Structures are given as C-alpha cells and as structure tokens.
C-alpha cells in the first residue's frame, strides 16, 4: 500500500509539472519544454566532455585552406596552422589525440550539425546564420573584412567605393563569409569566383585579378609571404567580426569547458605561442 501511494504521488507531481509547462509555453513549446526537462534529468551523460575521452579522440572539422589558421599541404598531407595547433592542445587537455575531418566553407556548419566532428576550427568567423545551427565558443580574436591587392595598386583600393567600380576584378573564394560580403557589397565591379583558397592570391600576383576582400588576419599573412601583395588598412577593416570555435548546439557542458579552455589559452600565452611562428 505504501509503495502504491508513493508511485501515485510521483505521478501527480509529474503531471503537475507537465501541466505547468503547457501553461507557460503553449502547445507549440511543449516539445521543447519536455526535451529540456529530459536533458536536465539526463545530467551530463550525453555530453562530449565525457564521450570524447571515452572515444579516445577529438574530431576536428577544418578546411585546410585558410592560412595562418589551417593549412593542408597537398604534397605531404601534413596539417599546420594556429588553429591546428590549438586543436591539438584542446585534445591534449582532454587526454586524447586530435583527428582532422576535411570540410569546406560551404559545409562546415552542416558537417558539425551532422555529427561528423566534435568542433569546427580554422579561422571560423562568428555569424548569426551559423549561430542558428551551432554554438560558438568565447571568441579568441577580433577581425574584419579588408582588401589585399598588388602593392603597385594599393592606393587605388583604399575604400569599398574605389573597389566597387566597373573594370575592377574582385576575386573571391566560395561558400563562406568572404563570398557573402562580396555578394552584399560589390555591384559594379567584376566578381571572379576562384574555388581554391590556397591559390587564390596567386591570381592577384599574376594579374588575373585585382583585389580580394578577406579577413584582415589573412591579408596580413599573405602580404608577409608574398612581397608583391599589400594588406590594405588591416587595422581599419570594413566590418567587425570575431573568430571562435564552433561547437554542437545544445551541449552546454562541453561549451562551458571549451569556453574555459579558450579563456585560459588566450591569457596564459598558449594562443600567442602558437600564433607567433605565423606572425614573425
């Protein structure tokens, strides 16, 4: 009799909770409320913070075509870059090895959402469109769109108005925020889409394009390795942006861990140490 009474009391309590959810959320929010309750009841059992050490590896989606953050050498198959090193550091903090999953700028969000990887890294810009499908970690640098051109032409492309003129050839890589910026802002100039971000700057050097608008961090690096090119006003970019690491939406526990890892890495010199070879 006592056991029956206890079960009855529990049933009434659960019923009251569900009724309260219906009242507060309305019919459309019932599924979300019940799901949130189930997640809370499950605790951290479903979090990547537990699954990754159990699996023994951290799966990292990265494009391999965006130096200084991520680069895949087509000859050797080696991966280098600031965020490649940071990915290995994150994996080490979890007691595992990092494995890299190839992706593209057009599919990087969907690949993460499809559970092909645990985190997307490699100079990923924070955007609201991406934030609808994924979480972002605490940002680790501030960036923005800026032009890069042949040094002989740098005075011609100081402003967006100067760039967006008939006869100017603007080159862009597809699928990411560079293309989104060009589509929104370049109306008069000729737009050339170049599929390989590893060779796109060579097109400017060779005279087959005039200017590229990309992240200021990339313009600085490309100007460093290609003396024919000049980064144009990288300290005063056309836009404000931040770079962060993209994480699966809904895993609050893993996000909190990565946020703390980013905070410590930025402030204890870890990030600066990995970035230094690409900035000297």
Protein backbone atom coordinates (compact mmCIF):
# COMPACT_ATOMS: atom_id res chain seq x y z
CA UNK A 1 0.00 0.00 0.00
CA UNK A 2 2.78 2.43 0.87
CA UNK A 3 4.59 1.77 -2.43
CA UNK A 4 1.37 2.38 -4.35
CA UNK A 5 0.88 5.65 -2.50
CA UNK A 6 4.43 6.79 -3.32
CA UNK A 7 4.02 5.96 -7.03
CA UNK A 8 0.71 7.80 -7.10
CA UNK A 9 2.28 10.88 -5.54
CA UNK A 10 5.10 10.80 -8.06
CA UNK A 11 2.65 10.51 -10.94
CA UNK A 12 0.68 13.50 -9.66
CA UNK A 13 3.86 15.53 -9.31
CA UNK A 14 4.96 14.75 -12.88
CA UNK A 15 1.51 15.57 -14.18
CA UNK A 16 1.59 18.92 -12.41
CA UNK A 17 4.98 19.72 -13.94
CA UNK A 18 3.75 18.89 -17.45
CA UNK A 19 0.60 20.96 -16.98
CA UNK A 20 2.75 23.87 -15.85
CA UNK A 21 4.88 23.53 -18.95
CA UNK A 22 1.80 23.54 -21.16
CA UNK A 23 0.52 26.67 -19.44
CA UNK A 24 3.84 28.53 -19.65
CA UNK A 25 4.97 27.52 -23.12
CA UNK A 26 1.74 26.95 -25.00
CA UNK A 27 1.16 23.98 -27.28
CA UNK A 28 3.96 24.99 -29.69
CA UNK A 29 6.57 24.98 -26.93
CA UNK A 30 5.55 21.68 -25.33
CA UNK A 31 8.09 19.55 -27.19
CA UNK A 32 10.93 21.91 -26.39
CA UNK A 33 9.98 22.10 -22.73
CA UNK A 34 9.71 18.33 -22.39
CA UNK A 35 13.03 17.94 -24.21
CA UNK A 36 14.69 20.45 -21.89
CA UNK A 37 13.33 18.56 -18.90
CA UNK A 38 14.65 15.28 -20.28
CA UNK A 39 18.07 16.82 -20.88
CA UNK A 40 18.16 18.18 -17.33
CA UNK A 41 17.13 14.79 -15.96
CA UNK A 42 19.87 13.12 -18.00
CA UNK A 43 22.53 15.34 -16.48
CA UNK A 44 25.84 15.32 -18.33
CA UNK A 45 25.61 11.74 -19.59
CA UNK A 46 25.22 12.86 -23.21
CA UNK A 47 27.95 15.48 -23.23
CA UNK A 48 31.01 15.35 -25.44
CA UNK A 49 33.05 16.20 -22.38
CA UNK A 50 32.52 12.57 -21.37
CA UNK A 51 32.21 10.98 -24.80
CA UNK A 52 35.49 12.30 -26.23
CA UNK A 53 37.74 10.78 -23.52
CA UNK A 54 35.78 7.54 -23.80
CA UNK A 55 36.24 7.52 -27.58
CA UNK A 56 39.91 8.44 -27.31
CA UNK A 57 39.98 11.18 -29.98
CA UNK A 58 38.73 14.68 -30.67
CA UNK A 59 37.25 15.01 -34.17
CA UNK A 60 38.01 18.42 -35.65
CA UNK A 61 36.39 19.76 -38.82
CA UNK A 62 38.76 22.10 -40.66
CA UNK A 63 39.05 23.30 -44.25
CA UNK A 64 42.83 23.22 -44.60
CA UNK A 65 42.83 26.19 -46.97
CA UNK A 66 42.99 29.24 -44.73
CA UNK A 67 46.42 30.23 -43.53
CA UNK A 68 47.50 31.24 -40.93
CA UNK A 69 44.77 29.23 -39.17
CA UNK A 70 44.57 25.95 -41.07
CA UNK A 71 46.56 24.50 -43.95
CA UNK A 72 46.71 21.04 -45.52
CA UNK A 73 49.89 20.50 -47.52
CA UNK A 74 48.77 18.69 -50.69
CA UNK A 75 52.20 17.11 -51.15
CA UNK A 76 52.83 15.76 -47.66
CA UNK A 77 49.34 15.60 -46.18
CA UNK A 78 50.58 17.47 -43.12
CA UNK A 79 48.29 19.95 -41.39
CA UNK A 80 49.65 23.15 -39.93
CA UNK A 81 48.25 26.42 -38.68
CA UNK A 82 47.40 28.28 -35.49
CA UNK A 83 44.10 26.51 -35.02
CA UNK A 84 45.54 23.14 -35.98
CA UNK A 85 47.95 23.54 -33.07
CA UNK A 86 45.15 24.82 -30.86
CA UNK A 87 43.05 21.78 -31.78
CA UNK A 88 45.85 19.51 -30.66
CA UNK A 89 46.17 21.48 -27.44
CA UNK A 90 42.42 21.14 -26.77
CA UNK A 91 42.64 17.41 -27.45
CA UNK A 92 45.60 17.09 -25.08
CA UNK A 93 43.63 18.85 -22.35
CA UNK A 94 41.04 16.09 -22.70
CA UNK A 95 43.67 13.36 -22.65
CA UNK A 96 43.17 12.34 -26.30
CA UNK A 97 44.58 12.87 -29.79
CA UNK A 98 43.08 15.18 -32.41
CA UNK A 99 41.92 13.76 -35.74
CA UNK A 100 41.06 16.15 -38.55
CA UNK A 101 37.94 15.86 -40.67
CA UNK A 102 38.06 17.55 -44.10
CA UNK A 103 35.29 20.07 -44.73
CA UNK A 104 34.57 23.14 -46.87
CA UNK A 105 33.37 26.63 -46.06
CA UNK A 106 30.03 25.78 -47.65
CA UNK A 107 29.51 22.67 -45.49
CA UNK A 108 31.42 23.40 -42.27
CA UNK A 109 28.30 24.16 -40.23
CA UNK A 110 26.23 21.27 -41.57
CA UNK A 111 29.09 18.80 -41.10
CA UNK A 112 29.25 19.76 -37.43
CA UNK A 113 25.47 19.52 -37.07
CA UNK A 114 25.55 16.09 -38.71
CA UNK A 115 27.97 14.85 -36.01
CA UNK A 116 30.87 14.38 -38.40
CA UNK A 117 33.06 16.19 -35.89
CA UNK A 118 33.06 17.49 -32.32
CA UNK A 119 34.31 21.01 -33.07
CA UNK A 120 34.96 23.16 -36.15
CA UNK A 121 38.21 25.12 -36.09
CA UNK A 122 40.33 27.10 -38.51
CA UNK A 123 39.60 30.82 -38.54
CA UNK A 124 35.82 30.46 -38.33
CA UNK A 125 34.05 33.83 -38.18
CA UNK A 126 31.10 34.24 -35.83
CA UNK A 127 27.88 34.92 -37.75
CA UNK A 128 24.23 34.85 -36.74
CA UNK A 129 23.43 32.45 -39.58
CA UNK A 130 25.95 29.96 -38.22
CA UNK A 131 24.78 30.57 -34.67
CA UNK A 132 21.33 29.28 -35.63
CA UNK A 133 22.83 25.83 -36.17
CA UNK A 134 25.78 25.73 -33.78
CA UNK A 135 27.23 27.18 -30.61
CA UNK A 136 30.29 29.42 -30.67
CA UNK A 137 32.96 29.39 -28.02
CA UNK A 138 34.25 32.53 -26.40
CA UNK A 139 35.96 34.48 -29.25
CA UNK A 140 39.74 34.43 -29.33
CA UNK A 141 40.48 37.29 -31.75
CA UNK A 142 38.75 40.29 -33.34
CA UNK A 143 38.85 40.52 -37.13
CA UNK A 144 37.02 42.04 -40.10
CA UNK A 145 36.97 42.23 -43.89
CA UNK A 146 39.80 44.14 -45.57
CA UNK A 147 41.29 44.28 -49.08
CA UNK A 148 44.54 42.88 -50.38
CA UNK A 149 45.99 43.87 -53.75
CA UNK A 150 49.26 44.23 -55.61
CA UNK A 151 51.39 46.79 -53.83
CA UNK A 152 51.60 48.85 -57.00
CA UNK A 153 47.79 49.27 -56.86
CA UNK A 154 47.23 49.64 -53.13
CA UNK A 155 46.36 53.36 -53.33
CA UNK A 156 43.61 52.58 -55.84
CA UNK A 157 41.68 50.29 -53.48
CA UNK A 158 41.59 52.10 -50.15
CA UNK A 159 37.81 52.20 -49.86
CA UNK A 160 34.90 49.98 -50.78
CA UNK A 161 33.70 52.67 -53.19
CA UNK A 162 37.04 52.60 -55.01
CA UNK A 163 36.91 48.82 -55.26
CA UNK A 164 33.32 48.59 -56.49
CA UNK A 165 33.91 50.19 -59.88
CA UNK A 166 33.48 48.91 -63.44
CA UNK A 167 36.68 47.30 -64.67
CA UNK A 168 37.90 46.23 -61.24
CA UNK A 169 38.22 42.46 -60.89
CA UNK A 170 37.34 41.26 -57.38
CA UNK A 171 38.27 37.65 -56.70
CA UNK A 172 36.54 35.59 -54.01
CA UNK A 173 36.51 32.05 -52.66
CA UNK A 174 33.05 30.42 -52.46
CA UNK A 175 30.95 29.26 -49.55
CA UNK A 176 31.98 31.47 -46.66
CA UNK A 177 31.78 34.97 -45.26
CA UNK A 178 34.06 36.39 -47.96
CA UNK A 179 31.54 35.48 -50.62
CA UNK A 180 28.67 36.75 -48.50
CA UNK A 181 30.39 40.12 -48.12
CA UNK A 182 31.12 40.41 -51.83
CA UNK A 183 27.57 39.47 -52.80
CA UNK A 184 26.18 42.11 -50.45
CA UNK A 185 28.57 44.93 -51.35
CA UNK A 186 30.05 44.51 -54.83
CA UNK A 187 27.56 45.58 -57.51
CA UNK A 188 29.60 47.27 -60.27
CA UNK A 189 32.97 45.50 -60.25
CA UNK A 190 33.52 42.16 -61.94
CA UNK A 191 33.43 39.26 -59.47
CA UNK A 192 35.64 36.25 -60.16
CA UNK A 193 34.93 33.10 -58.12
CA UNK A 194 38.05 31.02 -57.53
CA UNK A 195 37.44 27.61 -55.92
CA UNK A 196 40.86 27.06 -54.34
CA UNK A 197 41.60 29.38 -51.43
CA UNK A 198 45.17 28.06 -51.29
CA UNK A 199 45.98 29.53 -54.72
CA UNK A 200 43.60 32.48 -54.90
CA UNK A 201 46.22 35.08 -54.01
CA UNK A 202 48.44 33.86 -56.84
CA UNK A 203 45.73 35.06 -59.22
CA UNK A 204 46.27 38.62 -57.99
CA UNK A 205 50.04 38.34 -58.23
CA UNK A 206 49.71 37.03 -61.80
CA UNK A 207 47.44 39.92 -62.78
CA UNK A 208 44.37 37.79 -63.44
CA UNK A 209 42.51 39.59 -60.62
CA UNK A 210 42.96 42.96 -58.94
CA UNK A 211 41.81 42.70 -55.36
CA UNK A 212 40.45 40.28 -52.78
CA UNK A 213 38.38 41.17 -49.73
CA UNK A 214 39.01 38.74 -46.91
CA UNK A 215 39.72 38.72 -43.21
CA UNK A 216 42.33 41.24 -42.13
CA UNK A 217 44.30 38.46 -40.42
CA UNK A 218 44.63 36.65 -43.74
CA UNK A 219 45.67 39.80 -45.61
CA UNK A 220 48.49 40.34 -43.12
CA UNK A 221 49.75 36.78 -43.54
CA UNK A 222 49.52 36.74 -47.33
CA UNK A 223 51.33 40.08 -47.58
CA UNK A 224 54.06 38.62 -45.39
CA UNK A 225 54.68 35.60 -47.63
CA UNK A 226 54.05 37.35 -50.96
CA UNK A 227 56.06 40.59 -51.23
CA UNK A 228 54.11 41.59 -54.34
CA UNK A 229 50.92 41.94 -52.28
CA UNK A 230 49.97 44.56 -49.70
CA UNK A 231 47.36 44.32 -46.96
CA UNK A 232 45.26 47.48 -47.19
CA UNK A 233 44.27 49.09 -43.89
CA UNK A 234 44.03 45.79 -41.96
CA UNK A 235 43.77 47.76 -38.71
CA UNK A 236 40.65 49.53 -40.04
CA UNK A 237 38.61 46.76 -41.69
CA UNK A 238 35.29 47.34 -43.44
CA UNK A 239 33.45 45.19 -40.88
CA UNK A 240 33.66 43.99 -37.29
CA UNK A 241 33.98 40.27 -36.76
CA UNK A 242 35.26 37.78 -34.23
CA UNK A 243 36.73 34.34 -34.62
CA UNK A 244 35.72 31.50 -32.36
CA UNK A 245 35.42 27.72 -32.33
CA UNK A 246 32.14 26.21 -33.45
CA UNK A 247 30.52 23.59 -31.21
CA UNK A 248 27.44 21.36 -31.38
CA UNK A 249 24.30 23.21 -30.41
CA UNK A 250 22.74 22.01 -27.17
CA UNK A 251 25.81 20.60 -25.41
CA UNK A 252 26.10 23.18 -22.64
CA UNK A 253 28.61 21.20 -20.61
CA UNK A 254 31.10 20.84 -23.46
CA UNK A 255 30.67 24.50 -24.40
CA UNK A 256 31.44 25.60 -20.84
CA UNK A 257 34.61 23.51 -20.90
CA UNK A 258 35.79 24.89 -24.25
CA UNK A 259 34.98 28.45 -23.15
CA UNK A 260 37.18 28.00 -20.09
CA UNK A 261 39.93 26.44 -22.20
CA UNK A 262 39.83 29.42 -24.62
CA UNK A 263 39.90 31.89 -21.73
CA UNK A 264 42.95 30.25 -20.20
CA UNK A 265 44.73 29.77 -23.54
CA UNK A 266 44.33 33.41 -24.53
CA UNK A 267 45.51 34.68 -21.15
CA UNK A 268 48.30 32.26 -20.27
CA UNK A 269 50.20 32.72 -23.55
CA UNK A 270 49.20 29.43 -25.20
CA UNK A 271 47.46 31.06 -28.16
CA UNK A 272 50.21 33.66 -28.59
CA UNK A 273 52.84 30.91 -28.61
CA UNK A 274 51.09 29.03 -31.42
CA UNK A 275 50.42 32.22 -33.36
CA UNK A 276 53.97 33.59 -33.15
CA UNK A 277 55.52 31.49 -35.95
CA UNK A 278 52.88 32.76 -38.36
CA UNK A 279 53.34 36.39 -37.43
CA UNK A 280 57.14 36.80 -37.40
